[in-house]
Amino acid sequence: MTTAATTRRRPQWLRVSAWLLRAYAKLMVWFWGVVVFFAVAILAVVSRFHEVRVSGLQFAQHGALWYPFSLAIILTSAYLGIHVASGLTRRSFALASLVVAASVSLVNAVAATVLLLVERAVYDGLGWYHGLVGEPVTREVLADGPVVHAIGLFVVLTAGMVSGTLVALAYYRFGGLTGTLTLPLSMLPLVVAGLFPVVGSRSWSPWEMSQWADLLPGPAPTLLVLAAGAAAVVATARRIPIAAKEA
C-alpha cells in the first residue's frame, strides 16, 4: 500500500526571512571578525604608550548599529522589486523585514555583550580598568550587568534596522525629495530609542544622552514608537508601487 505524502510549503514571510538572514549572517560574520582584529591590534599598540582605562570593544556598538542600518536600506531597496517580481507578496516582505530586524539585532546585542565580557576578563588579567568612555573612571561598561546591557542594546539596534527599512521604503515609494522630507518620521524609532533607552541611564545610547531617560516614565514611550515604526513598515510596503526596470 502506498500513501501520498503532502508537503506543506512554509509561509512566504518565513522563507523570505530565512533568505535575508543568510545574507545578513555572512556580512555580520565579517563585521565582527574585523572588529575583533582591529580592537586587539589597536589595544596592543595603545597599551605600550598609555595606561588602558577604557574598553575598546564598546566602540563596536556604534558599528553594530549603523552597519545593519545601512544594510537594511541597501537590501530593502535592492530586493523589494525582485521579491514582488518573483510572485511574492509585499506583506510577506514587510513581515520578513521585521523578523530579520529583531533577529539580527538580538544576535548582535548578544555578540557585543559576550565580547565585552571576554574583554573584561582579559582586562582583569592584565590589570586594566574596563571603563566606559565619557564617564568617571569608577564607571565600568557592564556595571549594571550583561543582561541589562544586552536588553538595552537589543532595543536600540532593532530600532535602527526598523528605521533603515523605513528610510528605504520612503525613498523607494515617494522619491528623493519627499523621501528626504520624511526622514524625521522614518528615523523616529532610532532617535527615540537612542534618547530614551528602555533601561534608562544604564543602557548604551548612540547619542550618549541616556540620562534623558529619566524624563519619561519607563520604557513605554520607546516601545510604543518602535511598535509604530513596525506598523509603518507594513503599511508602507503593502501598497508600494514597484518601479519598472528598463531592459
C-alpha atoms as a PDB file:
ATOM      1  CA  MET A   1       0.000   0.000   0.000  1.00  0.00           C
ATOM      2  CA  THR A   2       1.289   3.416  -0.877  1.00  0.00           C
ATOM      3  CA  THR A   3       0.390   6.693   0.685  1.00  0.00           C
ATOM      4  CA  ALA A   4       0.653  10.081  -0.901  1.00  0.00           C
ATOM      5  CA  ALA A   5       2.790  12.392   1.137  1.00  0.00           C
ATOM      6  CA  THR A   6       1.856  16.033   1.018  1.00  0.00           C
ATOM      7  CA  THR A   7       4.389  18.689   1.708  1.00  0.00           C
ATOM      8  CA  ARG A   8       3.137  21.940   3.064  1.00  0.00           C
ATOM      9  CA  ARG A   9       5.163  24.880   1.931  1.00  0.00           C
ATOM     10  CA  ARG A  10       6.393  27.279   4.539  1.00  0.00           C
ATOM     11  CA  PRO A  11       4.741  30.712   4.661  1.00  0.00           C
ATOM     12  CA  GLN A  12       6.248  33.292   2.338  1.00  0.00           C
ATOM     13  CA  TRP A  13       7.433  35.560   5.129  1.00  0.00           C
ATOM     14  CA  LEU A  14       9.284  32.644   6.734  1.00  0.00           C
ATOM     15  CA  ARG A  15      11.060  31.698   3.510  1.00  0.00           C
ATOM     16  CA  VAL A  16      12.000  35.310   2.843  1.00  0.00           C
ATOM     17  CA  SER A  17      13.203  35.692   6.438  1.00  0.00           C
ATOM     18  CA  ALA A  18      15.480  32.675   6.023  1.00  0.00           C
ATOM     19  CA  TRP A  19      16.961  34.107   2.814  1.00  0.00           C
ATOM     20  CA  LEU A  20      17.547  37.550   4.315  1.00  0.00           C
ATOM     21  CA  LEU A  21      19.038  36.068   7.483  1.00  0.00           C
ATOM     22  CA  ARG A  22      21.568  34.129   5.425  1.00  0.00           C
ATOM     23  CA  ALA A  23      22.544  37.334   3.638  1.00  0.00           C
ATOM     24  CA  TYR A  24      22.926  39.237   6.901  1.00  0.00           C
ATOM     25  CA  ALA A  25      24.778  36.372   8.579  1.00  0.00           C
ATOM     26  CA  LYS A  26      27.591  36.398   6.020  1.00  0.00           C
ATOM     27  CA  LEU A  27      28.018  40.161   6.329  1.00  0.00           C
ATOM     28  CA  MET A  28      27.868  40.222  10.136  1.00  0.00           C
ATOM     29  CA  VAL A  29      30.452  37.448  10.472  1.00  0.00           C
ATOM     30  CA  TRP A  30      32.854  39.621   8.501  1.00  0.00           C
ATOM     31  CA  PHE A  31      31.900  42.647  10.598  1.00  0.00           C
ATOM     32  CA  TRP A  32      32.623  41.010  13.957  1.00  0.00           C
ATOM     33  CA  GLY A  33      35.812  39.435  12.632  1.00  0.00           C
ATOM     34  CA  VAL A  34      37.121  42.831  11.547  1.00  0.00           C
ATOM     35  CA  VAL A  35      36.019  44.414  14.858  1.00  0.00           C
ATOM     36  CA  VAL A  36      37.859  41.866  16.992  1.00  0.00           C
ATOM     37  CA  PHE A  37      41.003  42.014  14.839  1.00  0.00           C
ATOM     38  CA  PHE A  38      41.309  45.793  14.970  1.00  0.00           C
ATOM     39  CA  ALA A  39      40.309  46.020  18.650  1.00  0.00           C
ATOM     40  CA  VAL A  40      43.113  43.636  19.609  1.00  0.00           C
ATOM     41  CA  ALA A  41      45.615  45.343  17.310  1.00  0.00           C
ATOM     42  CA  ILE A  42      44.801  48.879  18.484  1.00  0.00           C
ATOM     43  CA  LEU A  43      44.822  47.971  22.183  1.00  0.00           C
ATOM     44  CA  ALA A  44      48.151  46.182  21.756  1.00  0.00           C
ATOM     45  CA  VAL A  45      49.665  49.376  20.349  1.00  0.00           C
ATOM     46  CA  VAL A  46      47.981  51.822  22.751  1.00  0.00           C
ATOM     47  CA  SER A  47      48.926  49.798  25.827  1.00  0.00           C
ATOM     48  CA  ARG A  48      52.615  50.292  25.001  1.00  0.00           C
ATOM     49  CA  PHE A  49      52.350  54.061  25.372  1.00  0.00           C
ATOM     50  CA  HIS A  50      49.391  54.740  27.690  1.00  0.00           C
ATOM     51  CA  GLU A  51      47.596  53.163  30.599  1.00  0.00           C
ATOM     52  CA  VAL A  52      44.439  51.491  29.289  1.00  0.00           C
ATOM     53  CA  ARG A  53      41.429  52.817  31.207  1.00  0.00           C
ATOM     54  CA  VAL A  54      38.516  52.301  28.829  1.00  0.00           C
ATOM     55  CA  SER A  55      37.044  49.402  26.892  1.00  0.00           C
ATOM     56  CA  GLY A  56      37.999  49.167  23.242  1.00  0.00           C
ATOM     57  CA  LEU A  57      35.106  46.984  22.139  1.00  0.00           C
ATOM     58  CA  GLN A  58      32.486  49.394  23.458  1.00  0.00           C
ATOM     59  CA  PHE A  59      33.029  51.459  20.311  1.00  0.00           C
ATOM     60  CA  ALA A  60      31.945  48.490  18.188  1.00  0.00           C
ATOM     61  CA  GLN A  61      28.394  49.105  19.351  1.00  0.00           C
ATOM     62  CA  HIS A  62      28.215  52.091  17.007  1.00  0.00           C
ATOM     63  CA  GLY A  63      29.187  49.808  14.146  1.00  0.00           C
ATOM     64  CA  ALA A  64      26.646  47.207  15.248  1.00  0.00           C
ATOM     65  CA  LEU A  65      24.018  49.949  14.946  1.00  0.00           C
ATOM     66  CA  TRP A  66      24.967  51.809  11.776  1.00  0.00           C
ATOM     67  CA  TYR A  67      26.199  48.884   9.683  1.00  0.00           C
ATOM     68  CA  PRO A  68      22.908  46.909   9.860  1.00  0.00           C
ATOM     69  CA  PHE A  69      21.053  50.223   9.495  1.00  0.00           C
ATOM     70  CA  SER A  70      22.802  50.810   6.166  1.00  0.00           C
ATOM     71  CA  LEU A  71      22.341  47.168   5.155  1.00  0.00           C
ATOM     72  CA  ALA A  72      18.599  47.484   5.806  1.00  0.00           C
ATOM     73  CA  ILE A  73      18.493  50.439   3.407  1.00  0.00           C
ATOM     74  CA  ILE A  74      20.532  48.655   0.738  1.00  0.00           C
ATOM     75  CA  LEU A  75      18.822  45.262   0.900  1.00  0.00           C
ATOM     76  CA  THR A  76      15.335  46.757   1.068  1.00  0.00           C
ATOM     77  CA  SER A  77      15.966  48.977  -1.953  1.00  0.00           C
ATOM     78  CA  ALA A  78      17.640  46.240  -3.982  1.00  0.00           C
ATOM     79  CA  TYR A  79      15.474  43.257  -3.085  1.00  0.00           C
ATOM     80  CA  LEU A  80      11.933  44.654  -2.946  1.00  0.00           C
ATOM     81  CA  GLY A  81      11.426  44.764  -6.716  1.00  0.00           C
ATOM     82  CA  ILE A  82      12.895  41.275  -7.163  1.00  0.00           C
ATOM     83  CA  HIS A  83      10.699  39.995  -4.347  1.00  0.00           C
ATOM     84  CA  VAL A  84       7.455  41.207  -5.925  1.00  0.00           C
ATOM     85  CA  ALA A  85       8.543  40.230  -9.460  1.00  0.00           C
ATOM     86  CA  SER A  86       9.053  36.673  -8.159  1.00  0.00           C
ATOM     87  CA  GLY A  87       5.370  36.489  -7.262  1.00  0.00           C
ATOM     88  CA  LEU A  88       5.780  37.069  -3.543  1.00  0.00           C
ATOM     89  CA  THR A  89       3.587  39.481  -1.630  1.00  0.00           C
ATOM     90  CA  ARG A  90       4.580  42.857  -0.288  1.00  0.00           C
ATOM     91  CA  ARG A  91       3.128  41.875   3.072  1.00  0.00           C
ATOM     92  CA  SER A  92       5.488  38.889   3.327  1.00  0.00           C
ATOM     93  CA  PHE A  93       8.402  41.209   2.586  1.00  0.00           C
ATOM     94  CA  ALA A  94       7.349  43.615   5.331  1.00  0.00           C
ATOM     95  CA  LEU A  95       6.883  40.838   7.899  1.00  0.00           C
ATOM     96  CA  ALA A  96      10.198  39.230   6.943  1.00  0.00           C
ATOM     97  CA  SER A  97      11.976  42.575   7.278  1.00  0.00           C
ATOM     98  CA  LEU A  98      10.680  42.988  10.826  1.00  0.00           C
ATOM     99  CA  VAL A  99      11.536  39.420  11.803  1.00  0.00           C
ATOM    100  CA  VAL A 100      15.039  39.843  10.420  1.00  0.00           C
ATOM    101  CA  ALA A 101      15.467  43.221  12.142  1.00  0.00           C
ATOM    102  CA  ALA A 102      14.668  41.676  15.525  1.00  0.00           C
ATOM    103  CA  SER A 103      16.712  38.514  14.873  1.00  0.00           C
ATOM    104  CA  VAL A 104      19.846  40.259  13.611  1.00  0.00           C
ATOM    105  CA  SER A 105      19.659  42.814  16.420  1.00  0.00           C
ATOM    106  CA  LEU A 106      19.311  40.077  19.037  1.00  0.00           C
ATOM    107  CA  VAL A 107      22.350  38.220  17.731  1.00  0.00           C
ATOM    108  CA  ASN A 108      24.391  41.421  17.531  1.00  0.00           C
ATOM    109  CA  ALA A 109      23.360  42.510  21.028  1.00  0.00           C
ATOM    110  CA  VAL A 110      24.354  39.133  22.459  1.00  0.00           C
ATOM    111  CA  ALA A 111      27.596  39.070  20.451  1.00  0.00           C
ATOM    112  CA  ALA A 112      28.553  42.572  21.595  1.00  0.00           C
ATOM    113  CA  THR A 113      27.806  41.732  25.228  1.00  0.00           C
ATOM    114  CA  VAL A 114      29.690  38.426  25.148  1.00  0.00           C
ATOM    115  CA  LEU A 115      32.712  40.126  23.573  1.00  0.00           C
ATOM    116  CA  LEU A 116      32.605  42.781  26.298  1.00  0.00           C
ATOM    117  CA  LEU A 117      32.567  40.022  28.924  1.00  0.00           C
ATOM    118  CA  VAL A 118      35.591  38.381  27.310  1.00  0.00           C
ATOM    119  CA  GLU A 119      37.323  41.740  27.050  1.00  0.00           C
ATOM    120  CA  ARG A 120      36.611  42.465  30.730  1.00  0.00           C
ATOM    121  CA  ALA A 121      38.180  39.147  31.718  1.00  0.00           C
ATOM    122  CA  VAL A 122      41.273  39.987  29.668  1.00  0.00           C
ATOM    123  CA  TYR A 123      41.424  43.468  31.220  1.00  0.00           C
ATOM    124  CA  ASP A 124      41.195  41.987  34.717  1.00  0.00           C
ATOM    125  CA  GLY A 125      44.013  39.598  33.903  1.00  0.00           C
ATOM    126  CA  LEU A 126      46.224  42.447  32.650  1.00  0.00           C
ATOM    127  CA  GLY A 127      45.322  44.830  35.463  1.00  0.00           C
ATOM    128  CA  TRP A 128      43.491  47.266  33.181  1.00  0.00           C
ATOM    129  CA  TYR A 129      40.296  49.101  34.034  1.00  0.00           C
ATOM    130  CA  HIS A 130      37.278  48.235  31.848  1.00  0.00           C
ATOM    131  CA  GLY A 131      35.888  51.779  31.858  1.00  0.00           C
ATOM    132  CA  LEU A 132      33.101  53.467  29.960  1.00  0.00           C
ATOM    133  CA  VAL A 133      34.166  56.326  27.715  1.00  0.00           C
ATOM    134  CA  GLY A 134      32.902  59.742  28.786  1.00  0.00           C
ATOM    135  CA  GLU A 135      32.212  58.570  32.344  1.00  0.00           C
ATOM    136  CA  PRO A 136      34.209  58.785  35.576  1.00  0.00           C
ATOM    137  CA  VAL A 137      36.875  56.131  35.950  1.00  0.00           C
ATOM    138  CA  THR A 138      34.703  54.403  38.542  1.00  0.00           C
ATOM    139  CA  ARG A 139      32.075  53.524  35.921  1.00  0.00           C
ATOM    140  CA  GLU A 140      32.555  50.208  34.106  1.00  0.00           C
ATOM    141  CA  VAL A 141      30.999  49.318  30.766  1.00  0.00           C
ATOM    142  CA  LEU A 142      28.986  46.436  32.233  1.00  0.00           C
ATOM    143  CA  ALA A 143      28.451  47.982  35.657  1.00  0.00           C
ATOM    144  CA  ASP A 144      24.754  47.077  35.647  1.00  0.00           C
ATOM    145  CA  GLY A 145      25.257  43.562  34.386  1.00  0.00           C
ATOM    146  CA  PRO A 146      25.397  41.906  30.959  1.00  0.00           C
ATOM    147  CA  VAL A 147      21.667  41.141  30.813  1.00  0.00           C
ATOM    148  CA  VAL A 148      20.631  44.774  31.281  1.00  0.00           C
ATOM    149  CA  HIS A 149      23.247  45.863  28.763  1.00  0.00           C
ATOM    150  CA  ALA A 150      22.098  43.313  26.171  1.00  0.00           C
ATOM    151  CA  ILE A 151      18.415  44.214  26.561  1.00  0.00           C
ATOM    152  CA  GLY A 152      19.018  47.918  26.097  1.00  0.00           C
ATOM    153  CA  LEU A 153      21.331  47.300  23.161  1.00  0.00           C
ATOM    154  CA  PHE A 154      18.829  44.937  21.511  1.00  0.00           C
ATOM    155  CA  VAL A 155      16.080  47.562  21.517  1.00  0.00           C
ATOM    156  CA  VAL A 156      18.342  50.289  20.101  1.00  0.00           C
ATOM    157  CA  LEU A 157      19.704  48.011  17.369  1.00  0.00           C
ATOM    158  CA  THR A 158      16.208  46.856  16.419  1.00  0.00           C
ATOM    159  CA  ALA A 159      15.038  50.462  16.222  1.00  0.00           C
ATOM    160  CA  GLY A 160      17.987  51.200  13.944  1.00  0.00           C
ATOM    161  CA  MET A 161      17.083  48.452  11.487  1.00  0.00           C
ATOM    162  CA  VAL A 162      13.400  49.398  11.529  1.00  0.00           C
ATOM    163  CA  SER A 163      14.367  52.993  10.752  1.00  0.00           C
ATOM    164  CA  GLY A 164      16.688  51.814   7.984  1.00  0.00           C
ATOM    165  CA  THR A 165      13.863  49.832   6.400  1.00  0.00           C
ATOM    166  CA  LEU A 166      11.523  52.820   6.666  1.00  0.00           C
ATOM    167  CA  VAL A 167      14.095  55.119   5.071  1.00  0.00           C
ATOM    168  CA  ALA A 168      14.470  52.757   2.117  1.00  0.00           C
ATOM    169  CA  LEU A 169      10.708  52.328   1.688  1.00  0.00           C
ATOM    170  CA  ALA A 170      10.101  56.082   1.845  1.00  0.00           C
ATOM    171  CA  TYR A 171      12.707  56.831  -0.807  1.00  0.00           C
ATOM    172  CA  TYR A 172      11.521  53.933  -2.973  1.00  0.00           C
ATOM    173  CA  ARG A 173       7.868  54.935  -2.806  1.00  0.00           C
ATOM    174  CA  PHE A 174       7.985  58.724  -2.729  1.00  0.00           C
ATOM    175  CA  GLY A 175      11.253  59.586  -4.478  1.00  0.00           C
ATOM    176  CA  GLY A 176      14.249  61.618  -3.391  1.00  0.00           C
ATOM    177  CA  LEU A 177      12.657  64.903  -2.331  1.00  0.00           C
ATOM    178  CA  THR A 178       9.715  63.502  -0.384  1.00  0.00           C
ATOM    179  CA  GLY A 179      11.860  60.698   0.992  1.00  0.00           C
ATOM    180  CA  THR A 180      14.258  63.277   2.395  1.00  0.00           C
ATOM    181  CA  LEU A 181      11.428  65.345   3.870  1.00  0.00           C
ATOM    182  CA  THR A 182      10.062  62.249   5.631  1.00  0.00           C
ATOM    183  CA  LEU A 183      13.409  61.435   7.284  1.00  0.00           C
ATOM    184  CA  PRO A 184      12.303  62.906  10.648  1.00  0.00           C
ATOM    185  CA  LEU A 185       9.483  60.331  10.657  1.00  0.00           C
ATOM    186  CA  SER A 186      11.385  57.351   9.262  1.00  0.00           C
ATOM    187  CA  MET A 187      14.261  57.960  11.689  1.00  0.00           C
ATOM    188  CA  LEU A 188      11.970  58.475  14.672  1.00  0.00           C
ATOM    189  CA  PRO A 189      12.216  54.915  16.091  1.00  0.00           C
ATOM    190  CA  LEU A 190      16.016  55.160  16.258  1.00  0.00           C
ATOM    191  CA  VAL A 191      16.043  58.729  17.576  1.00  0.00           C
ATOM    192  CA  VAL A 192      13.609  57.954  20.393  1.00  0.00           C
ATOM    193  CA  ALA A 193      15.303  54.648  21.282  1.00  0.00           C
ATOM    194  CA  GLY A 194      18.646  56.449  21.456  1.00  0.00           C
ATOM    195  CA  LEU A 195      17.427  59.360  23.534  1.00  0.00           C
ATOM    196  CA  PHE A 196      15.241  57.330  25.895  1.00  0.00           C
ATOM    197  CA  PRO A 197      16.670  53.786  26.271  1.00  0.00           C
ATOM    198  CA  VAL A 198      14.325  51.179  27.742  1.00  0.00           C
ATOM    199  CA  VAL A 199      16.563  50.559  30.751  1.00  0.00           C
ATOM    200  CA  GLY A 200      17.251  54.205  31.416  1.00  0.00           C
ATOM    201  CA  SER A 201      20.680  55.625  32.061  1.00  0.00           C
ATOM    202  CA  ARG A 202      22.096  52.105  32.461  1.00  0.00           C
ATOM    203  CA  SER A 203      21.682  51.383  28.749  1.00  0.00           C
ATOM    204  CA  TRP A 204      24.036  52.273  25.906  1.00  0.00           C
ATOM    205  CA  SER A 205      22.895  55.202  23.779  1.00  0.00           C
ATOM    206  CA  PRO A 206      24.370  56.144  20.378  1.00  0.00           C
ATOM    207  CA  TRP A 207      23.836  59.801  21.263  1.00  0.00           C
ATOM    208  CA  GLU A 208      25.492  59.437  24.705  1.00  0.00           C
ATOM    209  CA  MET A 209      22.412  61.110  26.179  1.00  0.00           C
ATOM    210  CA  SER A 210      20.816  58.219  28.043  1.00  0.00           C
ATOM    211  CA  GLN A 211      20.295  60.493  31.066  1.00  0.00           C
ATOM    212  CA  TRP A 212      17.255  61.812  29.194  1.00  0.00           C
ATOM    213  CA  ALA A 213      15.559  58.522  30.018  1.00  0.00           C
ATOM    214  CA  ASP A 214      14.746  59.860  33.465  1.00  0.00           C
ATOM    215  CA  LEU A 215      12.376  62.386  31.870  1.00  0.00           C
ATOM    216  CA  LEU A 216       9.979  59.653  30.683  1.00  0.00           C
ATOM    217  CA  PRO A 217       8.020  57.065  32.674  1.00  0.00           C
ATOM    218  CA  GLY A 218       9.871  53.852  31.897  1.00  0.00           C
ATOM    219  CA  PRO A 219      10.232  52.010  28.599  1.00  0.00           C
ATOM    220  CA  ALA A 220       6.653  52.564  27.345  1.00  0.00           C
ATOM    221  CA  PRO A 221       7.313  55.593  25.058  1.00  0.00           C
ATOM    222  CA  THR A 222      10.240  53.943  23.292  1.00  0.00           C
ATOM    223  CA  LEU A 223       8.402  50.652  22.847  1.00  0.00           C
ATOM    224  CA  LEU A 224       5.307  52.446  21.537  1.00  0.00           C
ATOM    225  CA  VAL A 225       7.334  54.403  18.962  1.00  0.00           C
ATOM    226  CA  LEU A 226       9.130  51.215  17.936  1.00  0.00           C
ATOM    227  CA  ALA A 227       5.794  49.421  17.514  1.00  0.00           C
ATOM    228  CA  ALA A 228       4.503  52.356  15.471  1.00  0.00           C
ATOM    229  CA  GLY A 229       7.605  52.136  13.285  1.00  0.00           C
ATOM    230  CA  ALA A 230       6.985  48.426  12.697  1.00  0.00           C
ATOM    231  CA  ALA A 231       3.366  49.158  11.770  1.00  0.00           C
ATOM    232  CA  ALA A 232       4.570  51.870   9.380  1.00  0.00           C
ATOM    233  CA  VAL A 233       6.845  49.343   7.649  1.00  0.00           C
ATOM    234  CA  VAL A 234       3.874  47.056   6.987  1.00  0.00           C
ATOM    235  CA  ALA A 235       1.562  49.904   5.947  1.00  0.00           C
ATOM    236  CA  THR A 236       4.129  51.490   3.606  1.00  0.00           C
ATOM    237  CA  ALA A 237       5.217  48.240   1.972  1.00  0.00           C
ATOM    238  CA  ARG A 238       1.774  46.716   1.417  1.00  0.00           C
ATOM    239  CA  ARG A 239       0.718  49.153  -1.345  1.00  0.00           C
ATOM    240  CA  ILE A 240       4.106  50.297  -2.581  1.00  0.00           C
ATOM    241  CA  PRO A 241       4.320  50.593  -6.399  1.00  0.00           C
ATOM    242  CA  ILE A 242       7.196  48.657  -7.917  1.00  0.00           C
ATOM    243  CA  ALA A 243       9.390  50.700 -10.227  1.00  0.00           C
ATOM    244  CA  ALA A 244       9.601  49.335 -13.763  1.00  0.00           C
ATOM    245  CA  LYS A 245      13.075  48.354 -14.925  1.00  0.00           C
ATOM    246  CA  GLU A 246      14.123  49.039 -18.496  1.00  0.00           C
ATOM    247  CA  ALA A 247      15.975  46.286 -20.315  1.00  0.00           C
END
